[in-house]
Structure formats: C-alpha cells, structure tokens
Amino acid sequence: MTAAKTITAFHHWLLDGAPDTKGYLHVIVLHGVKNQSSLSHDIAHYLNEYDSEAHGNWLAPSQQLIEVIAGDASQRKLLGVDEACSKCPPTGPCGQRKVIKGLALHGHVVLDSIHSPAATVDLDGVFHVSLAPGNKDCHMRLNPEKFNQRCLAPIISDVYLEWLHCTYRQPRAS
C-alpha cells in the first residue's frame, strides 16, 4: 500500500494497521516538496519493502485524498477527526490540517502537503525532512539537486529507520 489516491486505499490502510502502541507515531513529513513530486510515494513504497515492523502498511496520501477526507464527515469520523472548524470550509487549510494530524496520529504515513508541517508541529516523534534551503528545524536537510531522483527515497527512508531504532529512541521497559 503506497500511493493513496482513493477512499478505498485509505480504508484499507486504516483497517490494516492499528495505531502504533509503542509510543512512536511513525510519520515522515517532507518540507519543500515541489508540486507533482512522487517522492512521498517512493518513500512509502521503500518503507513497505524494508520496514518489516510496519507489515507493508506505509501510506502516502495524495493532496486530493486529504481534501476528499476533509470534505466528508463520515471519512473524518473514521479517522477520529473532530468536526470541521465552524469558521472555515471543511476542505480549507484548517480542515486539511485536522485530517493530516489524524493521519499522523494513526501512523505509518509519509506526508508532503504544504499543511503537514503546521499540522504536526505539536506531535512528538515525527521525522521532518527539508528539501528546501533555510529550514533548520528539520531532522534532515537535503539538496535534491545534488542527488539522483532515484536515490532520495532510499536515503530518507534509511536515515529515518536508523533514527527510529537508535538506542536513544527505544521505549523504556515498564
């Protein structure tokens, strides 16, 4: 399950993978992605192959899918998203941020929406990757012009997996 462009793909992802219980959200947020980039889908595809703990349940929702979920009260409810903002249309930036946060809280998601950084800013355990100059608050900063496009997904994914599994991030025994 990689590219999610349909409600059906979203439902399969939602039903196939329960939210993580180890306390880590398993979320990658890409900053500065150029329009029509397939990088988020490539990362999800790579992680579905190499992240054995995820059981092939990484998802990269398209912008259109985020808007569809935001615009449908029953889809928002499935995701556990509260009602839309009373001052904004459900598919506006506020509604999209709520959906993105709901996706992030479920976990195993690669987000590249322009609203993703703001939607996940208060969540611990989200791995932020900057592909544009100047963003110093990310875990990783890359200049995509210095890499072959095919190399970006494996590089980001492998660094994410190392970051996730490093000793510092391991859960404490109860």
C-alpha atoms as a PDB file:
ATOM      1  CA  MET A   1       0.000   0.000   0.000  1.00  0.00           C
ATOM      2  CA  THR A   2       1.832   3.059  -1.186  1.00  0.00           C
ATOM      3  CA  ALA A   3       0.086   5.736  -3.166  1.00  0.00           C
ATOM      4  CA  ALA A   4      -3.308   6.535  -1.763  1.00  0.00           C
ATOM      5  CA  LYS A   5      -5.426   8.360  -4.251  1.00  0.00           C
ATOM      6  CA  THR A   6      -8.759   6.731  -3.464  1.00  0.00           C
ATOM      7  CA  ILE A   7     -11.033   6.365  -0.475  1.00  0.00           C
ATOM      8  CA  THR A   8     -10.749   2.591  -0.868  1.00  0.00           C
ATOM      9  CA  ALA A   9      -6.957   2.739  -0.455  1.00  0.00           C
ATOM     10  CA  PHE A  10      -7.441   4.952   2.606  1.00  0.00           C
ATOM     11  CA  HIS A  11      -9.913   2.467   4.111  1.00  0.00           C
ATOM     12  CA  HIS A  12      -7.538  -0.464   3.559  1.00  0.00           C
ATOM     13  CA  TRP A  13      -4.704   1.452   5.242  1.00  0.00           C
ATOM     14  CA  LEU A  14      -6.958   2.453   8.116  1.00  0.00           C
ATOM     15  CA  LEU A  15      -8.216  -1.099   8.694  1.00  0.00           C
ATOM     16  CA  ASP A  16      -4.934  -2.925   8.068  1.00  0.00           C
ATOM     17  CA  GLY A  17      -2.795  -1.060  10.533  1.00  0.00           C
ATOM     18  CA  ALA A  18      -3.727  -0.228  14.067  1.00  0.00           C
ATOM     19  CA  PRO A  19      -2.216   2.906  15.558  1.00  0.00           C
ATOM     20  CA  ASP A  20       1.204   2.251  16.993  1.00  0.00           C
ATOM     21  CA  THR A  21       1.227   1.252  20.648  1.00  0.00           C
ATOM     22  CA  LYS A  22       4.955   1.706  21.263  1.00  0.00           C
ATOM     23  CA  GLY A  23       4.540   5.445  21.575  1.00  0.00           C
ATOM     24  CA  TYR A  24       6.097   6.438  18.257  1.00  0.00           C
ATOM     25  CA  LEU A  25       3.979   7.884  15.523  1.00  0.00           C
ATOM     26  CA  HIS A  26       5.960   6.550  12.536  1.00  0.00           C
ATOM     27  CA  VAL A  27       5.475   9.691  10.480  1.00  0.00           C
ATOM     28  CA  ILE A  28       7.706  11.400   7.946  1.00  0.00           C
ATOM     29  CA  VAL A  29       6.898  14.984   6.949  1.00  0.00           C
ATOM     30  CA  LEU A  30       8.534  16.358   3.837  1.00  0.00           C
ATOM     31  CA  HIS A  31       9.064  20.125   3.696  1.00  0.00           C
ATOM     32  CA  GLY A  32       9.583  21.986   0.428  1.00  0.00           C
ATOM     33  CA  VAL A  33       8.434  19.276  -1.971  1.00  0.00           C
ATOM     34  CA  LYS A  34       7.833  20.589  -5.455  1.00  0.00           C
ATOM     35  CA  ASN A  35       4.383  20.063  -6.950  1.00  0.00           C
ATOM     36  CA  GLN A  36       3.683  16.706  -8.573  1.00  0.00           C
ATOM     37  CA  SER A  37       6.654  15.043  -6.890  1.00  0.00           C
ATOM     38  CA  SER A  38       6.372  11.305  -6.352  1.00  0.00           C
ATOM     39  CA  LEU A  39       8.911  11.341  -3.513  1.00  0.00           C
ATOM     40  CA  SER A  40       6.412  10.673  -0.716  1.00  0.00           C
ATOM     41  CA  HIS A  41       5.017   7.704  -2.638  1.00  0.00           C
ATOM     42  CA  ASP A  42       8.549   6.432  -3.347  1.00  0.00           C
ATOM     43  CA  ILE A  43       9.408   6.653   0.368  1.00  0.00           C
ATOM     44  CA  ALA A  44       6.236   4.800   1.383  1.00  0.00           C
ATOM     45  CA  HIS A  45       6.958   2.134  -1.238  1.00  0.00           C
ATOM     46  CA  TYR A  46      10.543   1.730   0.003  1.00  0.00           C
ATOM     47  CA  LEU A  47       9.436   1.517   3.650  1.00  0.00           C
ATOM     48  CA  ASN A  48       6.774  -1.040   2.751  1.00  0.00           C
ATOM     49  CA  GLU A  49       9.586  -3.178   1.423  1.00  0.00           C
ATOM     50  CA  TYR A  50      12.216  -2.626   4.125  1.00  0.00           C
ATOM     51  CA  ASP A  51      10.352  -1.734   7.340  1.00  0.00           C
ATOM     52  CA  SER A  52       9.381  -5.226   8.452  1.00  0.00           C
ATOM     53  CA  GLU A  53       7.622  -3.954  11.590  1.00  0.00           C
ATOM     54  CA  ALA A  54       5.096  -1.995   9.501  1.00  0.00           C
ATOM     55  CA  HIS A  55       3.862  -5.073   7.600  1.00  0.00           C
ATOM     56  CA  GLY A  56       3.552  -3.126   4.345  1.00  0.00           C
ATOM     57  CA  ASN A  57       1.235  -0.523   5.820  1.00  0.00           C
ATOM     58  CA  TRP A  58       3.020   2.748   4.956  1.00  0.00           C
ATOM     59  CA  LEU A  59       0.841   5.272   3.160  1.00  0.00           C
ATOM     60  CA  ALA A  60       1.482   8.471   1.204  1.00  0.00           C
ATOM     61  CA  PRO A  61      -1.894  10.195   0.871  1.00  0.00           C
ATOM     62  CA  SER A  62      -2.310  12.474  -2.132  1.00  0.00           C
ATOM     63  CA  GLN A  63      -3.440  16.064  -1.673  1.00  0.00           C
ATOM     64  CA  GLN A  64      -6.690  15.170  -3.414  1.00  0.00           C
ATOM     65  CA  LEU A  65      -7.359  12.348  -0.950  1.00  0.00           C
ATOM     66  CA  ILE A  66      -6.720  14.655   2.016  1.00  0.00           C
ATOM     67  CA  GLU A  67      -9.279  17.080   0.574  1.00  0.00           C
ATOM     68  CA  VAL A  68     -11.826  14.293  -0.024  1.00  0.00           C
ATOM     69  CA  ILE A  69     -11.485  13.062   3.573  1.00  0.00           C
ATOM     70  CA  ALA A  70     -11.717  16.636   4.879  1.00  0.00           C
ATOM     71  CA  GLY A  71     -14.887  17.238   2.881  1.00  0.00           C
ATOM     72  CA  ASP A  72     -16.726  14.122   4.055  1.00  0.00           C
ATOM     73  CA  ALA A  73     -17.937  13.969   7.655  1.00  0.00           C
ATOM     74  CA  SER A  74     -18.110  10.150   7.653  1.00  0.00           C
ATOM     75  CA  GLN A  75     -14.490   9.840   6.439  1.00  0.00           C
ATOM     76  CA  ARG A  76     -13.318  12.339   9.072  1.00  0.00           C
ATOM     77  CA  LYS A  77     -15.158  10.350  11.723  1.00  0.00           C
ATOM     78  CA  LEU A  78     -13.466   7.107  10.615  1.00  0.00           C
ATOM     79  CA  LEU A  79     -10.130   8.846  11.104  1.00  0.00           C
ATOM     80  CA  GLY A  80     -11.194  10.160  14.511  1.00  0.00           C
ATOM     81  CA  VAL A  81     -11.176  13.786  13.423  1.00  0.00           C
ATOM     82  CA  ASP A  82     -13.493  16.167  15.255  1.00  0.00           C
ATOM     83  CA  GLU A  83     -15.926  18.285  13.365  1.00  0.00           C
ATOM     84  CA  ALA A  84     -14.549  20.828  10.952  1.00  0.00           C
ATOM     85  CA  CYS A  85     -13.897  24.385  12.072  1.00  0.00           C
ATOM     86  CA  SER A  86     -17.141  26.369  12.182  1.00  0.00           C
ATOM     87  CA  LYS A  87     -15.434  29.413  10.628  1.00  0.00           C
ATOM     88  CA  CYS A  88     -13.818  27.581   7.688  1.00  0.00           C
ATOM     89  CA  PRO A  89     -14.986  25.229   4.953  1.00  0.00           C
ATOM     90  CA  PRO A  90     -14.103  21.599   5.797  1.00  0.00           C
ATOM     91  CA  THR A  91     -11.706  21.395   2.857  1.00  0.00           C
ATOM     92  CA  GLY A  92      -9.949  24.655   3.729  1.00  0.00           C
ATOM     93  CA  PRO A  93      -6.495  24.780   5.301  1.00  0.00           C
ATOM     94  CA  CYS A  94      -7.840  24.297   8.846  1.00  0.00           C
ATOM     95  CA  GLY A  95      -9.840  21.208   7.856  1.00  0.00           C
ATOM     96  CA  GLN A  96      -6.928  19.755   5.917  1.00  0.00           C
ATOM     97  CA  ARG A  97      -4.598  20.245   8.907  1.00  0.00           C
ATOM     98  CA  LYS A  98      -7.057  18.339  11.104  1.00  0.00           C
ATOM     99  CA  VAL A  99      -7.139  15.440   8.631  1.00  0.00           C
ATOM    100  CA  ILE A 100      -3.335  15.447   8.313  1.00  0.00           C
ATOM    101  CA  LYS A 101      -2.974  15.358  12.092  1.00  0.00           C
ATOM    102  CA  GLY A 102      -5.459  12.463  12.231  1.00  0.00           C
ATOM    103  CA  LEU A 103      -3.421  10.586   9.630  1.00  0.00           C
ATOM    104  CA  ALA A 104      -0.239  11.284  11.599  1.00  0.00           C
ATOM    105  CA  LEU A 105      -1.766  10.058  14.851  1.00  0.00           C
ATOM    106  CA  HIS A 106      -2.654   6.796  13.115  1.00  0.00           C
ATOM    107  CA  GLY A 107       0.963   6.444  11.983  1.00  0.00           C
ATOM    108  CA  HIS A 108       2.898   4.843   9.136  1.00  0.00           C
ATOM    109  CA  VAL A 109       2.329   7.805   6.874  1.00  0.00           C
ATOM    110  CA  VAL A 110       4.522   9.990   4.649  1.00  0.00           C
ATOM    111  CA  LEU A 111       3.109  13.495   4.360  1.00  0.00           C
ATOM    112  CA  ASP A 112       4.117  16.113   1.816  1.00  0.00           C
ATOM    113  CA  SER A 113       1.176  18.519   1.914  1.00  0.00           C
ATOM    114  CA  ILE A 114       2.008  22.178   2.366  1.00  0.00           C
ATOM    115  CA  HIS A 115      -0.120  21.954   5.543  1.00  0.00           C
ATOM    116  CA  SER A 116       1.752  18.974   7.034  1.00  0.00           C
ATOM    117  CA  PRO A 117       4.412  20.894   8.996  1.00  0.00           C
ATOM    118  CA  ALA A 118       1.795  23.027  10.770  1.00  0.00           C
ATOM    119  CA  ALA A 119      -0.481  20.024  11.385  1.00  0.00           C
ATOM    120  CA  THR A 120       2.280  18.002  13.057  1.00  0.00           C
ATOM    121  CA  VAL A 121       4.223  20.737  14.842  1.00  0.00           C
ATOM    122  CA  ASP A 122       2.982  19.719  18.307  1.00  0.00           C
ATOM    123  CA  LEU A 123       3.406  15.957  17.806  1.00  0.00           C
ATOM    124  CA  ASP A 124       6.430  14.172  19.256  1.00  0.00           C
ATOM    125  CA  GLY A 125       8.202  11.548  17.211  1.00  0.00           C
ATOM    126  CA  VAL A 126       7.567  12.996  13.758  1.00  0.00           C
ATOM    127  CA  PHE A 127      10.604  12.896  11.457  1.00  0.00           C
ATOM    128  CA  HIS A 128      10.901  16.140   9.463  1.00  0.00           C
ATOM    129  CA  VAL A 129      12.883  16.304   6.209  1.00  0.00           C
ATOM    130  CA  SER A 130      13.617  19.579   4.434  1.00  0.00           C
ATOM    131  CA  LEU A 131      14.165  19.633   0.692  1.00  0.00           C
ATOM    132  CA  ALA A 132      14.398  23.419   0.554  1.00  0.00           C
ATOM    133  CA  PRO A 133      17.109  25.706   1.880  1.00  0.00           C
ATOM    134  CA  GLY A 134      16.720  27.532   5.152  1.00  0.00           C
ATOM    135  CA  ASN A 135      14.630  25.163   7.276  1.00  0.00           C
ATOM    136  CA  LYS A 136      16.804  24.469  10.314  1.00  0.00           C
ATOM    137  CA  ASP A 137      14.109  22.807  12.435  1.00  0.00           C
ATOM    138  CA  CYS A 138      14.119  19.547  10.472  1.00  0.00           C
ATOM    139  CA  HIS A 139      15.917  16.348  11.434  1.00  0.00           C
ATOM    140  CA  MET A 140      17.382  16.100   7.970  1.00  0.00           C
ATOM    141  CA  ARG A 141      18.089  18.624   5.238  1.00  0.00           C
ATOM    142  CA  LEU A 142      18.838  17.584   1.681  1.00  0.00           C
ATOM    143  CA  ASN A 143      19.541  19.445  -1.518  1.00  0.00           C
ATOM    144  CA  PRO A 144      17.623  17.321  -4.048  1.00  0.00           C
ATOM    145  CA  GLU A 145      19.592  18.836  -6.920  1.00  0.00           C
ATOM    146  CA  LYS A 146      22.738  17.105  -5.632  1.00  0.00           C
ATOM    147  CA  PHE A 147      21.163  13.626  -5.801  1.00  0.00           C
ATOM    148  CA  ASN A 148      19.788  11.414  -8.499  1.00  0.00           C
ATOM    149  CA  GLN A 149      15.999  11.428  -8.011  1.00  0.00           C
ATOM    150  CA  ARG A 150      16.009   7.625  -7.525  1.00  0.00           C
ATOM    151  CA  CYS A 151      18.372   7.979  -4.551  1.00  0.00           C
ATOM    152  CA  LEU A 152      16.257  10.325  -2.442  1.00  0.00           C
ATOM    153  CA  ALA A 153      13.654   7.817  -1.223  1.00  0.00           C
ATOM    154  CA  PRO A 154      16.191   5.210  -0.037  1.00  0.00           C
ATOM    155  CA  ILE A 155      18.361   7.862   1.627  1.00  0.00           C
ATOM    156  CA  ILE A 156      15.466   9.458   3.506  1.00  0.00           C
ATOM    157  CA  SER A 157      13.933   6.096   4.410  1.00  0.00           C
ATOM    158  CA  ASP A 158      17.171   4.571   5.661  1.00  0.00           C
ATOM    159  CA  VAL A 159      18.040   7.607   7.770  1.00  0.00           C
ATOM    160  CA  TYR A 160      14.501   7.604   9.167  1.00  0.00           C
ATOM    161  CA  LEU A 161      14.736   3.906  10.124  1.00  0.00           C
ATOM    162  CA  GLU A 162      18.117   4.470  11.792  1.00  0.00           C
ATOM    163  CA  TRP A 163      16.703   7.450  13.676  1.00  0.00           C
ATOM    164  CA  LEU A 164      13.651   5.447  14.753  1.00  0.00           C
ATOM    165  CA  HIS A 165      15.639   2.481  16.018  1.00  0.00           C
ATOM    166  CA  CYS A 166      18.564   4.231  17.649  1.00  0.00           C
ATOM    167  CA  THR A 167      19.069   3.421  21.317  1.00  0.00           C
ATOM    168  CA  TYR A 168      18.030   6.902  22.419  1.00  0.00           C
ATOM    169  CA  ARG A 169      14.540   6.454  20.971  1.00  0.00           C
ATOM    170  CA  GLN A 170      13.857   2.957  22.257  1.00  0.00           C
ATOM    171  CA  PRO A 171      10.892   2.701  24.660  1.00  0.00           C
ATOM    172  CA  ARG A 172      11.697   2.131  28.282  1.00  0.00           C
ATOM    173  CA  ALA A 173      10.759  -1.187  29.857  1.00  0.00           C
ATOM    174  CA  SER A 174       7.634  -0.977  32.014  1.00  0.00           C
END
